[in-house]
C-alpha atoms as a PDB file:
ATOM      1  CA  MET A   1      36.775 -50.664  81.465  1.00  0.00           C
ATOM      2  CA  LYS A   2      38.534 -48.349  79.011  1.00  0.00           C
ATOM      3  CA  ARG A   3      36.842 -50.077  76.065  1.00  0.00           C
ATOM      4  CA  ARG A   4      33.429 -49.544  77.684  1.00  0.00           C
ATOM      5  CA  GLU A   5      34.210 -45.864  78.359  1.00  0.00           C
ATOM      6  CA  GLY A   6      35.308 -45.422  74.742  1.00  0.00           C
ATOM      7  CA  LEU A   7      32.096 -47.057  73.510  1.00  0.00           C
ATOM      8  CA  ALA A   8      30.020 -44.782  75.734  1.00  0.00           C
ATOM      9  CA  VAL A   9      31.742 -41.733  74.262  1.00  0.00           C
ATOM     10  CA  LEU A  10      31.114 -42.997  70.717  1.00  0.00           C
ATOM     11  CA  LEU A  11      27.442 -43.689  71.415  1.00  0.00           C
ATOM     12  CA  ALA A  12      27.070 -40.268  72.988  1.00  0.00           C
ATOM     13  CA  GLY A  13      28.473 -38.752  69.821  1.00  0.00           C
ATOM     14  CA  LEU A  14      25.907 -40.581  67.711  1.00  0.00           C
ATOM     15  CA  ALA A  15      22.940 -39.765  69.969  1.00  0.00           C
ATOM     16  CA  PRO A  16      20.390 -37.145  68.860  1.00  0.00           C
ATOM     17  CA  ALA A  17      21.284 -33.610  69.804  1.00  0.00           C
ATOM     18  CA  ALA A  18      20.031 -32.528  73.197  1.00  0.00           C
ATOM     19  CA  GLN A  19      16.956 -30.329  73.367  1.00  0.00           C
ATOM     20  CA  GLY A  20      17.769 -26.640  73.022  1.00  0.00           C
ATOM     21  CA  ARG A  21      18.464 -24.439  76.013  1.00  0.00           C
ATOM     22  CA  THR A  22      16.288 -21.614  77.340  1.00  0.00           C
ATOM     23  CA  LEU A  23      18.059 -18.275  77.713  1.00  0.00           C
ATOM     24  CA  ARG A  24      16.311 -15.798  80.006  1.00  0.00           C
ATOM     25  CA  VAL A  25      16.126 -12.035  79.338  1.00  0.00           C
ATOM     26  CA  ASN A  26      14.993 -10.032  82.353  1.00  0.00           C
ATOM     27  CA  ARG A  27      14.021  -6.387  82.155  1.00  0.00           C
ATOM     28  CA  GLY A  28      17.216  -4.378  82.036  1.00  0.00           C
ATOM     29  CA  ASP A  29      19.154  -7.139  80.257  1.00  0.00           C
ATOM     30  CA  ARG A  30      20.279  -6.689  76.642  1.00  0.00           C
ATOM     31  CA  LEU A  31      18.216  -8.764  74.235  1.00  0.00           C
ATOM     32  CA  GLN A  32      21.014  -8.791  71.654  1.00  0.00           C
ATOM     33  CA  ASP A  33      23.399 -10.418  74.145  1.00  0.00           C
ATOM     34  CA  ALA A  34      21.023 -13.346  74.649  1.00  0.00           C
ATOM     35  CA  VAL A  35      20.321 -13.703  70.910  1.00  0.00           C
ATOM     36  CA  ALA A  36      24.041 -13.618  70.100  1.00  0.00           C
ATOM     37  CA  ALA A  37      24.694 -16.346  72.687  1.00  0.00           C
ATOM     38  CA  ALA A  38      21.879 -18.581  71.424  1.00  0.00           C
ATOM     39  CA  ARG A  39      22.575 -21.703  69.395  1.00  0.00           C
ATOM     40  CA  ASP A  40      20.335 -23.395  66.853  1.00  0.00           C
ATOM     41  CA  GLY A  41      17.307 -24.878  68.617  1.00  0.00           C
ATOM     42  CA  ASP A  42      17.476 -22.579  71.658  1.00  0.00           C
ATOM     43  CA  VAL A  43      14.648 -20.513  73.131  1.00  0.00           C
ATOM     44  CA  VAL A  44      15.200 -16.886  74.147  1.00  0.00           C
ATOM     45  CA  GLU A  45      12.575 -16.065  76.763  1.00  0.00           C
ATOM     46  CA  LEU A  46      11.789 -12.491  77.804  1.00  0.00           C
ATOM     47  CA  GLU A  47      10.316 -11.495  81.118  1.00  0.00           C
ATOM     48  CA  GLY A  48       6.822 -10.059  80.645  1.00  0.00           C
ATOM     49  CA  GLY A  49       6.469  -6.277  80.695  1.00  0.00           C
ATOM     50  CA  ASP A  50       8.390  -3.370  79.205  1.00  0.00           C
ATOM     51  CA  HIS A  51      11.904  -3.696  77.761  1.00  0.00           C
ATOM     52  CA  GLN A  52      13.337  -0.288  76.886  1.00  0.00           C
ATOM     53  CA  GLY A  53      15.705   0.374  73.965  1.00  0.00           C
ATOM     54  CA  GLN A  54      15.951  -3.254  72.836  1.00  0.00           C
ATOM     55  CA  THR A  55      16.956  -4.489  69.373  1.00  0.00           C
ATOM     56  CA  ALA A  56      18.345  -7.730  67.951  1.00  0.00           C
ATOM     57  CA  VAL A  57      19.487  -9.463  64.765  1.00  0.00           C
ATOM     58  CA  ILE A  58      18.538 -13.151  64.463  1.00  0.00           C
ATOM     59  CA  THR A  59      20.713 -15.302  62.190  1.00  0.00           C
ATOM     60  CA  GLN A  60      20.237 -18.794  63.679  1.00  0.00           C
ATOM     61  CA  ASP A  61      18.758 -21.618  61.612  1.00  0.00           C
ATOM     62  CA  ARG A  62      16.265 -22.448  64.387  1.00  0.00           C
ATOM     63  CA  LEU A  63      15.323 -20.063  67.176  1.00  0.00           C
ATOM     64  CA  THR A  64      12.281 -19.192  69.268  1.00  0.00           C
ATOM     65  CA  LEU A  65      11.887 -15.757  70.836  1.00  0.00           C
ATOM     66  CA  ARG A  66       8.952 -15.612  73.256  1.00  0.00           C
ATOM     67  CA  ALA A  67       7.488 -13.931  76.311  1.00  0.00           C
ATOM     68  CA  ALA A  68       7.773 -15.973  79.500  1.00  0.00           C
ATOM     69  CA  ALA A  69       4.269 -14.854  80.475  1.00  0.00           C
ATOM     70  CA  GLY A  70       1.769 -12.389  79.050  1.00  0.00           C
ATOM     71  CA  THR A  71       3.398  -9.941  76.622  1.00  0.00           C
ATOM     72  CA  ALA A  72       6.969  -8.675  76.488  1.00  0.00           C
ATOM     73  CA  VAL A  73       7.001  -5.147  75.027  1.00  0.00           C
ATOM     74  CA  LEU A  74      10.069  -3.997  73.080  1.00  0.00           C
ATOM     75  CA  HIS A  75      10.302  -0.187  73.003  1.00  0.00           C
ATOM     76  CA  ALA A  76      12.648   1.358  70.445  1.00  0.00           C
ATOM     77  CA  ASP A  77      13.445   4.488  72.480  1.00  0.00           C
ATOM     78  CA  GLY A  78      15.319   5.844  69.454  1.00  0.00           C
ATOM     79  CA  LEU A  79      17.370   2.700  68.819  1.00  0.00           C
ATOM     80  CA  HIS A  80      17.258   0.312  65.850  1.00  0.00           C
ATOM     81  CA  ALA A  81      19.112  -2.674  64.430  1.00  0.00           C
ATOM     82  CA  GLU A  82      21.093  -1.998  61.247  1.00  0.00           C
ATOM     83  CA  GLY A  83      18.991   1.065  60.451  1.00  0.00           C
ATOM     84  CA  LYS A  84      16.053  -1.253  59.738  1.00  0.00           C
ATOM     85  CA  ALA A  85      13.965  -2.446  62.664  1.00  0.00           C
ATOM     86  CA  LEU A  86      13.730  -3.462  66.295  1.00  0.00           C
ATOM     87  CA  VAL A  87      14.312  -7.082  65.294  1.00  0.00           C
ATOM     88  CA  VAL A  88      15.912  -8.223  62.024  1.00  0.00           C
ATOM     89  CA  VAL A  89      15.252 -11.862  61.089  1.00  0.00           C
ATOM     90  CA  ARG A  90      17.897 -13.239  58.763  1.00  0.00           C
ATOM     91  CA  GLY A  91      17.946 -16.907  59.648  1.00  0.00           C
ATOM     92  CA  GLY A  92      16.214 -20.215  59.015  1.00  0.00           C
ATOM     93  CA  ARG A  93      13.091 -21.279  60.892  1.00  0.00           C
ATOM     94  CA  VAL A  94      12.348 -18.575  63.469  1.00  0.00           C
ATOM     95  CA  ARG A  95       9.326 -18.307  65.751  1.00  0.00           C
ATOM     96  CA  LEU A  96       8.182 -15.308  67.829  1.00  0.00           C
ATOM     97  CA  GLU A  97       5.437 -15.543  70.441  1.00  0.00           C
ATOM     98  CA  GLY A  98       3.866 -12.916  72.689  1.00  0.00           C
ATOM     99  CA  ILE A  99       6.183 -10.021  71.703  1.00  0.00           C
ATOM    100  CA  GLU A 100       5.011  -6.430  71.188  1.00  0.00           C
ATOM    101  CA  PHE A 101       6.984  -3.968  69.046  1.00  0.00           C
ATOM    102  CA  ARG A 102       6.643  -0.224  69.621  1.00  0.00           C
ATOM    103  CA  GLY A 103       8.097   2.991  68.272  1.00  0.00           C
ATOM    104  CA  ALA A 104      10.366   1.862  65.404  1.00  0.00           C
ATOM    105  CA  ARG A 105      11.953   4.865  63.651  1.00  0.00           C
ATOM    106  CA  VAL A 106      14.902   4.907  61.223  1.00  0.00           C
ATOM    107  CA  PRO A 107      16.477   7.634  59.043  1.00  0.00           C
ATOM    108  CA  HIS A 108      14.830   6.303  55.852  1.00  0.00           C
ATOM    109  CA  GLY A 109      11.352   6.468  57.375  1.00  0.00           C
ATOM    110  CA  ASN A 110      10.575   2.754  57.035  1.00  0.00           C
ATOM    111  CA  GLY A 111      11.543   1.523  60.475  1.00  0.00           C
ATOM    112  CA  ALA A 112       9.762  -1.744  61.240  1.00  0.00           C
ATOM    113  CA  GLY A 113       8.921  -3.718  64.309  1.00  0.00           C
ATOM    114  CA  ILE A 114      10.370  -6.671  62.375  1.00  0.00           C
ATOM    115  CA  ARG A 115      12.411  -6.672  59.169  1.00  0.00           C
ATOM    116  CA  PHE A 116      12.080 -10.185  57.719  1.00  0.00           C
ATOM    117  CA  GLU A 117      14.912 -10.862  55.291  1.00  0.00           C
ATOM    118  CA  ARG A 118      14.999 -14.610  54.685  1.00  0.00           C
ATOM    119  CA  GLY A 119      13.966 -18.007  56.012  1.00  0.00           C
ATOM    120  CA  ALA A 120      10.632 -19.088  57.449  1.00  0.00           C
ATOM    121  CA  LEU A 121       9.168 -16.794  60.107  1.00  0.00           C
ATOM    122  CA  THR A 122       6.165 -17.635  62.288  1.00  0.00           C
ATOM    123  CA  LEU A 123       4.478 -15.045  64.519  1.00  0.00           C
ATOM    124  CA  GLN A 124       1.857 -15.854  67.117  1.00  0.00           C
ATOM    125  CA  ARG A 125       0.208 -13.425  69.530  1.00  0.00           C
ATOM    126  CA  CYS A 126       2.546 -10.587  68.550  1.00  0.00           C
ATOM    127  CA  ARG A 127       1.600  -6.903  68.482  1.00  0.00           C
ATOM    128  CA  PHE A 128       2.840  -3.989  66.376  1.00  0.00           C
ATOM    129  CA  PHE A 129       1.953  -0.401  67.323  1.00  0.00           C
ATOM    130  CA  ASP A 130       3.351   3.041  66.469  1.00  0.00           C
ATOM    131  CA  ASN A 131       5.965   1.748  64.020  1.00  0.00           C
ATOM    132  CA  GLU A 132       6.773   3.323  60.654  1.00  0.00           C
ATOM    133  CA  MET A 133       6.096  -0.177  59.282  1.00  0.00           C
ATOM    134  CA  GLY A 134       4.622  -2.928  61.379  1.00  0.00           C
ATOM    135  CA  LEU A 135       6.442  -5.759  59.618  1.00  0.00           C
ATOM    136  CA  LEU A 136       8.430  -5.255  56.402  1.00  0.00           C
ATOM    137  CA  SER A 137       9.884  -8.127  54.402  1.00  0.00           C
ATOM    138  CA  ALA A 138      12.563  -8.355  51.744  1.00  0.00           C
ATOM    139  CA  ASP A 139      12.030  -9.836  48.266  1.00  0.00           C
ATOM    140  CA  VAL A 140      13.252 -13.425  48.640  1.00  0.00           C
ATOM    141  CA  ALA A 141      11.486 -15.968  46.451  1.00  0.00           C
ATOM    142  CA  ASP A 142      11.597 -18.904  48.879  1.00  0.00           C
ATOM    143  CA  ALA A 143      10.819 -17.031  52.112  1.00  0.00           C
ATOM    144  CA  GLU A 144       7.720 -18.057  54.092  1.00  0.00           C
ATOM    145  CA  LEU A 145       5.759 -15.893  56.518  1.00  0.00           C
ATOM    146  CA  THR A 146       3.044 -17.158  58.867  1.00  0.00           C
ATOM    147  CA  ILE A 147       1.117 -14.742  61.106  1.00  0.00           C
ATOM    148  CA  ASP A 148      -1.583 -15.908  63.533  1.00  0.00           C
ATOM    149  CA  ASP A 149      -3.568 -14.051  66.217  1.00  0.00           C
ATOM    150  CA  CYS A 150      -1.545 -10.838  65.938  1.00  0.00           C
ATOM    151  CA  ASP A 151      -2.438  -7.120  66.196  1.00  0.00           C
ATOM    152  CA  PHE A 152      -1.277  -4.246  63.981  1.00  0.00           C
ATOM    153  CA  GLY A 153      -2.218  -0.588  64.480  1.00  0.00           C
ATOM    154  CA  GLN A 154      -1.476   3.053  65.299  1.00  0.00           C
ATOM    155  CA  ALA A 155       0.505   3.986  62.196  1.00  0.00           C
ATOM    156  CA  PRO A 156       2.373   7.266  62.871  1.00  0.00           C
ATOM    157  CA  ARG A 157       1.330  10.312  60.876  1.00  0.00           C
ATOM    158  CA  HIS A 158       4.255  11.692  58.920  1.00  0.00           C
ATOM    159  CA  GLU A 159       3.573  13.834  55.889  1.00  0.00           C
ATOM    160  CA  GLY A 160       5.110  12.455  52.715  1.00  0.00           C
ATOM    161  CA  LEU A 161       5.535   8.907  54.050  1.00  0.00           C
ATOM    162  CA  LEU A 162       3.420   5.766  53.578  1.00  0.00           C
ATOM    163  CA  HIS A 163       3.183   3.644  56.689  1.00  0.00           C
ATOM    164  CA  HIS A 164       1.931   0.135  55.885  1.00  0.00           C
ATOM    165  CA  LEU A 165       0.893  -1.931  58.874  1.00  0.00           C
ATOM    166  CA  LEU A 166       2.020  -5.132  57.123  1.00  0.00           C
ATOM    167  CA  TYR A 167       4.185  -5.009  53.980  1.00  0.00           C
ATOM    168  CA  VAL A 168       5.102  -8.405  52.556  1.00  0.00           C
ATOM    169  CA  GLY A 169       7.613  -8.304  49.720  1.00  0.00           C
ATOM    170  CA  ARG A 170       7.916 -10.657  46.766  1.00  0.00           C
ATOM    171  CA  ILE A 171       8.345 -13.814  48.868  1.00  0.00           C
ATOM    172  CA  GLY A 172       7.115 -17.369  48.393  1.00  0.00           C
ATOM    173  CA  SER A 173       4.109 -17.396  50.691  1.00  0.00           C
ATOM    174  CA  LEU A 174       2.112 -15.473  53.277  1.00  0.00           C
ATOM    175  CA  ARG A 175      -0.403 -17.098  55.605  1.00  0.00           C
ATOM    176  CA  LEU A 176      -2.295 -14.508  57.674  1.00  0.00           C
ATOM    177  CA  THR A 177      -4.974 -15.822  60.041  1.00  0.00           C
ATOM    178  CA  GLY A 178      -7.045 -14.622  62.990  1.00  0.00           C
ATOM    179  CA  SER A 179      -5.355 -11.216  63.210  1.00  0.00           C
ATOM    180  CA  ARG A 180      -6.570  -7.633  63.656  1.00  0.00           C
ATOM    181  CA  PHE A 181      -5.645  -4.379  61.847  1.00  0.00           C
ATOM    182  CA  SER A 182      -6.770  -0.791  62.508  1.00  0.00           C
ATOM    183  CA  GLY A 183      -5.572   2.794  62.554  1.00  0.00           C
ATOM    184  CA  GLY A 184      -3.806   3.112  59.203  1.00  0.00           C
ATOM    185  CA  TRP A 185      -2.272   6.279  57.747  1.00  0.00           C
ATOM    186  CA  ARG A 186      -1.864   6.815  53.994  1.00  0.00           C
ATOM    187  CA  GLY A 187      -0.424   3.329  53.494  1.00  0.00           C
ATOM    188  CA  HIS A 188      -2.296   0.026  53.353  1.00  0.00           C
ATOM    189  CA  LEU A 189      -3.396  -2.169  56.217  1.00  0.00           C
ATOM    190  CA  VAL A 190      -2.099  -5.293  54.437  1.00  0.00           C
ATOM    191  CA  LYS A 191       0.120  -5.249  51.352  1.00  0.00           C
ATOM    192  CA  SER A 192       1.367  -8.568  49.995  1.00  0.00           C
ATOM    193  CA  ARG A 193       3.516  -9.148  46.922  1.00  0.00           C
ATOM    194  CA  ALA A 194       3.868 -12.842  47.809  1.00  0.00           C
ATOM    195  CA  ALA A 195       3.458 -15.467  45.099  1.00  0.00           C
ATOM    196  CA  VAL A 196       0.866 -17.171  47.326  1.00  0.00           C
ATOM    197  CA  SER A 197      -1.253 -15.296  49.898  1.00  0.00           C
ATOM    198  CA  HIS A 198      -3.770 -16.865  52.256  1.00  0.00           C
ATOM    199  CA  ILE A 199      -5.650 -14.120  54.123  1.00  0.00           C
ATOM    200  CA  LEU A 200      -8.138 -15.983  56.290  1.00  0.00           C
ATOM    201  CA  CYS A 201     -10.498 -15.053  59.121  1.00  0.00           C
ATOM    202  CA  ASN A 202      -8.970 -11.674  60.013  1.00  0.00           C
ATOM    203  CA  ARG A 203     -10.466  -8.354  61.071  1.00  0.00           C
ATOM    204  CA  LEU A 204      -9.269  -5.358  59.040  1.00  0.00           C
ATOM    205  CA  THR A 205     -11.268  -2.409  60.346  1.00  0.00           C
ATOM    206  CA  ASP A 206      -9.553   0.944  59.911  1.00  0.00           C
ATOM    207  CA  GLY A 207     -11.856   2.718  62.386  1.00  0.00           C
ATOM    208  CA  ASP A 208     -13.183   6.254  62.664  1.00  0.00           C
ATOM    209  CA  GLU A 209      -9.709   7.783  63.074  1.00  0.00           C
ATOM    210  CA  GLY A 210      -7.919   5.647  60.509  1.00  0.00           C
ATOM    211  CA  GLU A 211      -6.933   7.043  57.118  1.00  0.00           C
ATOM    212  CA  ALA A 212      -5.538   4.027  55.301  1.00  0.00           C
ATOM    213  CA  SER A 213      -5.497   3.623  51.552  1.00  0.00           C
ATOM    214  CA  TYR A 214      -6.364   0.020  50.550  1.00  0.00           C
ATOM    215  CA  GLN A 215      -7.400  -2.357  53.283  1.00  0.00           C
ATOM    216  CA  ILE A 216      -5.862  -5.256  51.319  1.00  0.00           C
ATOM    217  CA  ASP A 217      -3.424  -4.687  48.454  1.00  0.00           C
ATOM    218  CA  LEU A 218      -2.170  -7.554  46.281  1.00  0.00           C
ATOM    219  CA  PRO A 219      -0.278  -5.411  43.770  1.00  0.00           C
ATOM    220  CA  ASN A 220       1.424  -8.208  41.793  1.00  0.00           C
ATOM    221  CA  GLY A 221      -1.545 -10.550  41.719  1.00  0.00           C
ATOM    222  CA  GLY A 222      -0.340 -14.017  42.616  1.00  0.00           C
ATOM    223  CA  GLN A 223      -2.412 -16.895  43.902  1.00  0.00           C
ATOM    224  CA  ALA A 224      -4.559 -15.301  46.589  1.00  0.00           C
ATOM    225  CA  TRP A 225      -7.300 -16.556  48.867  1.00  0.00           C
ATOM    226  CA  VAL A 226      -9.183 -13.867  50.823  1.00  0.00           C
ATOM    227  CA  GLN A 227     -11.769 -15.729  52.862  1.00  0.00           C
ATOM    228  CA  GLY A 228     -13.779 -15.315  56.054  1.00  0.00           C
ATOM    229  CA  ASN A 229     -12.572 -11.777  56.843  1.00  0.00           C
ATOM    230  CA  VAL A 230     -14.239  -8.600  58.077  1.00  0.00           C
ATOM    231  CA  VAL A 231     -12.885  -5.752  55.914  1.00  0.00           C
ATOM    232  CA  ALA A 232     -14.133  -2.296  56.891  1.00  0.00           C
ATOM    233  CA  GLN A 233     -13.119   1.057  55.449  1.00  0.00           C
ATOM    234  CA  GLY A 234     -13.507   4.061  57.746  1.00  0.00           C
ATOM    235  CA  PRO A 235     -15.158   7.387  56.930  1.00  0.00           C
ATOM    236  CA  ARG A 236     -11.857   9.054  55.889  1.00  0.00           C
ATOM    237  CA  PRO A 237     -10.081   6.680  53.494  1.00  0.00           C
ATOM    238  CA  GLN A 238      -7.226   7.794  51.252  1.00  0.00           C
ATOM    239  CA  ASN A 239      -8.594   5.587  48.464  1.00  0.00           C
ATOM    240  CA  ALA A 240     -12.081   4.365  47.601  1.00  0.00           C
ATOM    241  CA  THR A 241     -10.847   0.802  46.972  1.00  0.00           C
ATOM    242  CA  LEU A 242     -10.983  -1.790  49.769  1.00  0.00           C
ATOM    243  CA  VAL A 243      -9.360  -4.810  48.064  1.00  0.00           C
ATOM    244  CA  ALA A 244      -6.940  -4.232  45.166  1.00  0.00           C
ATOM    245  CA  PHE A 245      -5.544  -6.965  42.899  1.00  0.00           C
ATOM    246  CA  GLY A 246      -2.830  -6.312  40.319  1.00  0.00           C
ATOM    247  CA  ALA A 247      -2.460  -2.552  40.792  1.00  0.00           C
ATOM    248  CA  GLU A 248       1.264  -2.232  40.136  1.00  0.00           C
ATOM    249  CA  GLY A 249       4.568  -3.864  39.305  1.00  0.00           C
ATOM    250  CA  ARG A 250       5.497  -7.105  37.556  1.00  0.00           C
ATOM    251  CA  PRO A 251       2.674  -9.653  38.002  1.00  0.00           C
ATOM    252  CA  HIS A 252       3.166 -13.243  39.039  1.00  0.00           C
ATOM    253  CA  ALA A 253       2.737 -15.665  36.129  1.00  0.00           C
ATOM    254  CA  ALA A 254       0.239 -17.690  38.167  1.00  0.00           C
ATOM    255  CA  SER A 255      -2.434 -15.257  39.332  1.00  0.00           C
ATOM    256  CA  HIS A 256      -5.948 -15.772  40.596  1.00  0.00           C
ATOM    257  CA  LEU A 257      -8.102 -14.301  43.344  1.00  0.00           C
ATOM    258  CA  VAL A 258     -10.548 -16.381  45.363  1.00  0.00           C
ATOM    259  CA  MET A 259     -12.666 -14.101  47.539  1.00  0.00           C
ATOM    260  CA  THR A 260     -15.447 -15.874  49.426  1.00  0.00           C
ATOM    261  CA  HIS A 261     -17.449 -15.582  52.667  1.00  0.00           C
ATOM    262  CA  ASN A 262     -16.154 -12.107  53.598  1.00  0.00           C
ATOM    263  CA  HIS A 263     -18.027  -9.165  55.119  1.00  0.00           C
ATOM    264  CA  LEU A 264     -17.019  -5.817  53.583  1.00  0.00           C
ATOM    265  CA  LEU A 265     -18.155  -2.395  54.807  1.00  0.00           C
ATOM    266  CA  SER A 266     -17.540   1.141  53.592  1.00  0.00           C
ATOM    267  CA  ASP A 267     -18.366   4.005  55.953  1.00  0.00           C
ATOM    268  CA  ALA A 268     -17.262   6.616  53.403  1.00  0.00           C
ATOM    269  CA  GLU A 269     -19.827   8.859  51.724  1.00  0.00           C
ATOM    270  CA  ALA A 270     -18.507   8.290  48.197  1.00  0.00           C
ATOM    271  CA  PRO A 271     -19.203   4.953  46.496  1.00  0.00           C
ATOM    272  CA  ALA A 272     -16.579   2.331  47.300  1.00  0.00           C
ATOM    273  CA  ALA A 273     -14.786   0.061  44.863  1.00  0.00           C
ATOM    274  CA  PHE A 274     -15.089  -2.958  47.133  1.00  0.00           C
ATOM    275  CA  VAL A 275     -12.951  -5.183  44.871  1.00  0.00           C
ATOM    276  CA  ARG A 276     -10.891  -3.748  42.023  1.00  0.00           C
ATOM    277  CA  HIS A 277      -8.493  -5.454  39.635  1.00  0.00           C
ATOM    278  CA  TRP A 278      -6.373  -4.312  36.694  1.00  0.00           C
ATOM    279  CA  PRO A 279      -6.760  -6.904  33.898  1.00  0.00           C
ATOM    280  CA  GLU A 280      -4.412  -4.973  31.598  1.00  0.00           C
ATOM    281  CA  ARG A 281      -1.573  -5.533  34.099  1.00  0.00           C
ATOM    282  CA  LEU A 282      -2.308  -9.166  34.953  1.00  0.00           C
ATOM    283  CA  PRO A 283      -1.697 -12.358  32.913  1.00  0.00           C
ATOM    284  CA  ALA A 284      -4.389 -13.043  30.322  1.00  0.00           C
ATOM    285  CA  ASP A 285      -5.519 -16.226  32.091  1.00  0.00           C
ATOM    286  CA  THR A 286      -6.025 -14.542  35.481  1.00  0.00           C
ATOM    287  CA  THR A 287      -9.319 -15.503  37.127  1.00  0.00           C
ATOM    288  CA  LEU A 288     -11.378 -13.878  39.875  1.00  0.00           C
ATOM    289  CA  ARG A 289     -13.837 -15.877  41.934  1.00  0.00           C
ATOM    290  CA  ILE A 290     -15.999 -13.563  44.058  1.00  0.00           C
ATOM    291  CA  GLU A 291     -18.727 -15.565  45.792  1.00  0.00           C
ATOM    292  CA  HIS A 292     -20.893 -15.525  48.924  1.00  0.00           C
ATOM    293  CA  ASN A 293     -19.711 -12.165  50.254  1.00  0.00           C
ATOM    294  CA  LEU A 294     -21.706  -9.505  52.105  1.00  0.00           C
ATOM    295  CA  PHE A 295     -21.109  -5.884  51.019  1.00  0.00           C
ATOM    296  CA  VAL A 296     -22.506  -2.919  52.953  1.00  0.00           C
ATOM    297  CA  GLY A 297     -22.378   0.701  51.807  1.00  0.00           C
ATOM    298  CA  PRO A 298     -22.542   2.652  48.547  1.00  0.00           C
ATOM    299  CA  ALA A 299     -20.759   0.709  45.822  1.00  0.00           C
ATOM    300  CA  VAL A 300     -19.113   1.400  42.484  1.00  0.00           C
ATOM    301  CA  ASP A 301     -20.973  -0.626  39.865  1.00  0.00           C
ATOM    302  CA  GLY A 302     -19.404  -4.007  39.229  1.00  0.00           C
ATOM    303  CA  SER A 303     -17.125  -3.892  42.287  1.00  0.00           C
ATOM    304  CA  TRP A 304     -19.049  -6.367  44.405  1.00  0.00           C
ATOM    305  CA  GLY A 305     -19.406  -9.374  42.147  1.00  0.00           C
ATOM    306  CA  ARG A 306     -22.694 -10.798  40.941  1.00  0.00           C
ATOM    307  CA  PRO A 307     -25.827 -11.573  42.954  1.00  0.00           C
ATOM    308  CA  GLU A 308     -26.139 -14.936  41.188  1.00  0.00           C
ATOM    309  CA  ASP A 309     -22.817 -15.922  42.811  1.00  0.00           C
ATOM    310  CA  GLY A 310     -24.274 -15.454  46.275  1.00  0.00           C
ATOM    311  CA  ASN A 311     -23.028 -11.889  46.813  1.00  0.00           C
ATOM    312  CA  VAL A 312     -25.305  -9.456  48.650  1.00  0.00           C
ATOM    313  CA  LEU A 313     -25.156  -5.643  48.664  1.00  0.00           C
ATOM    314  CA  LEU A 314     -26.919  -3.840  51.531  1.00  0.00           C
ATOM    315  CA  PRO A 315     -27.322  -0.142  52.433  1.00  0.00           C
ATOM    316  CA  PRO A 316     -25.239   1.586  55.137  1.00  0.00           C
ATOM    317  CA  THR A 317     -28.026   1.087  57.672  1.00  0.00           C
ATOM    318  CA  GLU A 318     -26.989  -2.577  57.807  1.00  0.00           C
ATOM    319  CA  ARG A 319     -23.382  -1.855  58.912  1.00  0.00           C
ATOM    320  CA  ALA A 320     -23.780  -3.925  62.097  1.00  0.00           C
ATOM    321  CA  ARG A 321     -24.286  -7.004  59.947  1.00  0.00           C
ATOM    322  CA  ALA A 322     -21.036  -6.336  58.110  1.00  0.00           C
ATOM    323  CA  LEU A 323     -19.053  -5.983  61.343  1.00  0.00           C
ATOM    324  CA  ALA A 324     -20.282  -9.312  62.644  1.00  0.00           C
ATOM    325  CA  PRO A 325     -17.653 -11.894  61.705  1.00  0.00           C
ATOM    326  CA  PRO A 326     -18.641 -14.471  59.086  1.00  0.00           C
ATOM    327  CA  PRO A 327     -18.425 -18.135  60.097  1.00  0.00           C
ATOM    328  CA  CYS A 328     -14.725 -18.808  59.763  1.00  0.00           C
ATOM    329  CA  GLY A 329     -15.347 -22.421  58.831  1.00  0.00           C
ATOM    330  CA  ALA A 330     -17.035 -21.176  55.659  1.00  0.00           C
ATOM    331  CA  ALA A 331     -13.649 -20.075  54.351  1.00  0.00           C
END
């Protein structure tokens, strides 16, 4: 009998690890307590609704943070984690689902809903409103960021500060799909310094009250695919350019822009530079492929590609056509 019991113990030790636990966070509980208690592979599940004054730092190699139902809203209420954000991600493979981040403020003026520092972060159905930065990442060459079906908006208006809705540092890759951006202020709707950026089938429409600069900024070039998006500049932009490629900083050695099957609109009175690049700052072998896009509004000459590549430029009276999403499968 003892030999059989010993064998059972040995086999149990060799068996695959049990499925992770689910740790529940009800309204009024401290999110950080649940995150600190979580082990690799666990799920931290928040009750739907408002969670006041909640912050956390995630360091696990594998963790999921999600709403139990609907959306769980994290309100800063003047608090922050490490002077950076509501949630700091400094782990391995981390996934967030159905979480809304509101009101991030820090002394340096760059308080984010999420500060992504390393690892591989996936966001699905998350929302970022009224934060100094929606999501801000560090510069880590092997970091990976995936964002799907998320909302970013309502940048606060602070003189002297640039509030980007999404600011991706010099990481390995960004994949941004099916998400919505509006209501910028001085900063950009999407800024990505990633070596590889896939920006696919999103809606970046600053709106009548928005005052963003670029709608999409790829300042260090890189390998970028911008496909199947609606990109609309409002009537009060801070910059006439909608999509910028290679505007600043040290460029990536491998740089090219593929921009196809997008709808771009400018509601500003002045001519828009729909797509602008800086060849003097980019590698000599950088290529731009601008094909099968619809542009609506007054345009700076040469900023909308060539008609022979399937690009079409229409007057402002056709703005409704630009706001209709292109077939996403075309991307």
